[in-house]
């Protein structure tokens, strides 16, 4: 396998995970009504603003992860695995609770360091 083949395979893996991300988003939208999505969006937006204070280059690093072969694949794959484990351990929780937990946990970690 040449380096070109490895790079192409890595980018295809990143594209695959990008579509898996979109699939998760569509499933969340289908399972919630518009009013609860608005409330959850407002709550997450306030957490995201605080998160951006501690991690100002988060958006750029996320975009960079999709341009590097396999990086987005492993990053999103780990996040999906983490979300699955969170949802299986916390019965009755949904994706909103996982996102809230991750933002809160990352903010607390940044405050403590």
Protein backbone atom coordinates (compact mmCIF):
# COMPACT_ATOMS: atom_id res chain seq x y z
CA UNK A 1 0.00 0.00 0.00
CA UNK A 2 1.41 3.35 -0.97
CA UNK A 3 1.27 6.53 1.09
CA UNK A 4 -1.33 7.92 -1.29
CA UNK A 5 -3.58 4.91 -0.68
CA UNK A 6 -3.21 5.32 3.07
CA UNK A 7 -4.07 9.03 2.88
CA UNK A 8 -7.09 8.36 0.69
CA UNK A 9 -8.26 5.59 3.01
CA UNK A 10 -7.83 7.95 5.99
CA UNK A 11 -9.84 10.72 4.38
CA UNK A 12 -12.56 8.27 3.40
CA UNK A 13 -12.69 7.14 7.03
CA UNK A 14 -13.04 10.79 8.10
CA UNK A 15 -15.84 11.34 5.58
CA UNK A 16 -17.57 8.19 6.84
CA UNK A 17 -17.48 9.49 10.42
CA UNK A 18 -18.73 12.90 9.25
CA UNK A 19 -21.81 11.16 7.85
CA UNK A 20 -22.20 9.11 11.05
CA UNK A 21 -22.22 12.45 12.91
CA UNK A 22 -24.96 13.73 10.62
CA UNK A 23 -26.91 10.50 11.18
CA UNK A 24 -26.75 11.01 14.96
CA UNK A 25 -27.99 14.59 14.51
CA UNK A 26 -30.92 13.44 12.38
CA UNK A 27 -31.84 10.78 14.94
CA UNK A 28 -31.81 13.36 17.75
CA UNK A 29 -34.00 15.73 15.74
CA UNK A 30 -36.47 12.96 14.93
CA UNK A 31 -36.75 11.85 18.57
CA UNK A 32 -37.44 15.32 20.03
CA UNK A 33 -40.05 17.96 19.46
CA UNK A 34 -39.10 21.46 18.35
CA UNK A 35 -39.81 23.09 21.73
CA UNK A 36 -37.51 20.79 23.68
CA UNK A 37 -34.83 21.18 20.99
CA UNK A 38 -35.01 24.97 21.40
CA UNK A 39 -34.67 24.72 25.19
CA UNK A 40 -31.78 22.29 24.92
CA UNK A 41 -30.10 24.45 22.30
CA UNK A 42 -30.25 27.51 24.55
CA UNK A 43 -28.81 25.58 27.49
CA UNK A 44 -26.00 24.13 25.39
CA UNK A 45 -25.29 27.53 23.83
CA UNK A 46 -24.54 29.05 27.23
CA UNK A 47 -22.25 26.13 28.08
CA UNK A 48 -20.56 26.45 24.70
CA UNK A 49 -19.82 30.15 25.26
CA UNK A 50 -18.13 29.32 28.54
CA UNK A 51 -16.31 26.41 26.89
CA UNK A 52 -15.02 28.75 24.14
CA UNK A 53 -13.43 30.96 26.81
CA UNK A 54 -11.20 28.10 27.94
CA UNK A 55 -10.68 26.48 24.52
CA UNK A 56 -10.71 29.33 21.98
CA UNK A 57 -9.24 27.27 19.11
CA UNK A 58 -11.63 24.34 19.44
CA UNK A 59 -13.37 24.98 16.09
CA UNK A 60 -10.11 25.22 14.18
CA UNK A 61 -8.78 22.02 15.77
CA UNK A 62 -11.97 20.17 14.88
CA UNK A 63 -11.70 21.26 11.24
CA UNK A 64 -8.03 20.30 11.20
CA UNK A 65 -8.93 16.85 12.55
CA UNK A 66 -11.10 16.21 9.48
CA UNK A 67 -8.28 17.23 7.10
CA UNK A 68 -5.70 14.91 8.67
CA UNK A 69 -6.16 11.27 7.61
CA UNK A 70 -7.77 9.04 10.25
CA UNK A 71 -7.80 11.79 12.92
CA UNK A 72 -11.48 12.64 12.54
CA UNK A 73 -12.32 8.95 12.32
CA UNK A 74 -10.66 8.12 15.64
CA UNK A 75 -11.85 11.31 17.32
CA UNK A 76 -15.49 10.86 16.36
CA UNK A 77 -15.32 7.11 16.86
CA UNK A 78 -14.07 7.58 20.40
CA UNK A 79 -16.75 10.21 21.08
CA UNK A 80 -19.49 7.91 19.81
CA UNK A 81 -18.13 5.05 21.93
CA UNK A 82 -18.01 7.40 24.93
CA UNK A 83 -21.59 8.50 24.25
CA UNK A 84 -22.75 4.89 23.96
CA UNK A 85 -21.11 4.01 27.28
CA UNK A 86 -22.64 7.11 28.96
CA UNK A 87 -26.11 6.31 27.65
CA UNK A 88 -25.89 2.65 28.64
CA UNK A 89 -24.72 3.51 32.15
CA UNK A 90 -27.23 6.33 32.73
CA UNK A 91 -30.66 4.90 31.97
CA UNK A 92 -33.15 7.49 30.80
CA UNK A 93 -30.41 9.84 29.58
CA UNK A 94 -30.28 11.11 26.02
CA UNK A 95 -27.72 12.80 23.76
CA UNK A 96 -28.49 16.20 25.31
CA UNK A 97 -27.47 14.91 28.73
CA UNK A 98 -24.22 13.55 27.27
CA UNK A 99 -23.37 16.87 25.60
CA UNK A 100 -24.18 18.75 28.79
CA UNK A 101 -21.98 16.34 30.77
CA UNK A 102 -19.07 16.69 28.33
CA UNK A 103 -19.17 20.50 28.28
CA UNK A 104 -19.49 20.70 32.06
CA UNK A 105 -16.72 18.18 32.59
CA UNK A 106 -14.34 19.94 30.15
CA UNK A 107 -15.08 23.35 31.70
CA UNK A 108 -14.38 22.03 35.20
CA UNK A 109 -11.15 20.41 34.00
CA UNK A 110 -10.03 23.73 32.50
CA UNK A 111 -10.92 25.64 35.67
CA UNK A 112 -8.97 23.19 37.84
CA UNK A 113 -5.81 23.35 35.75
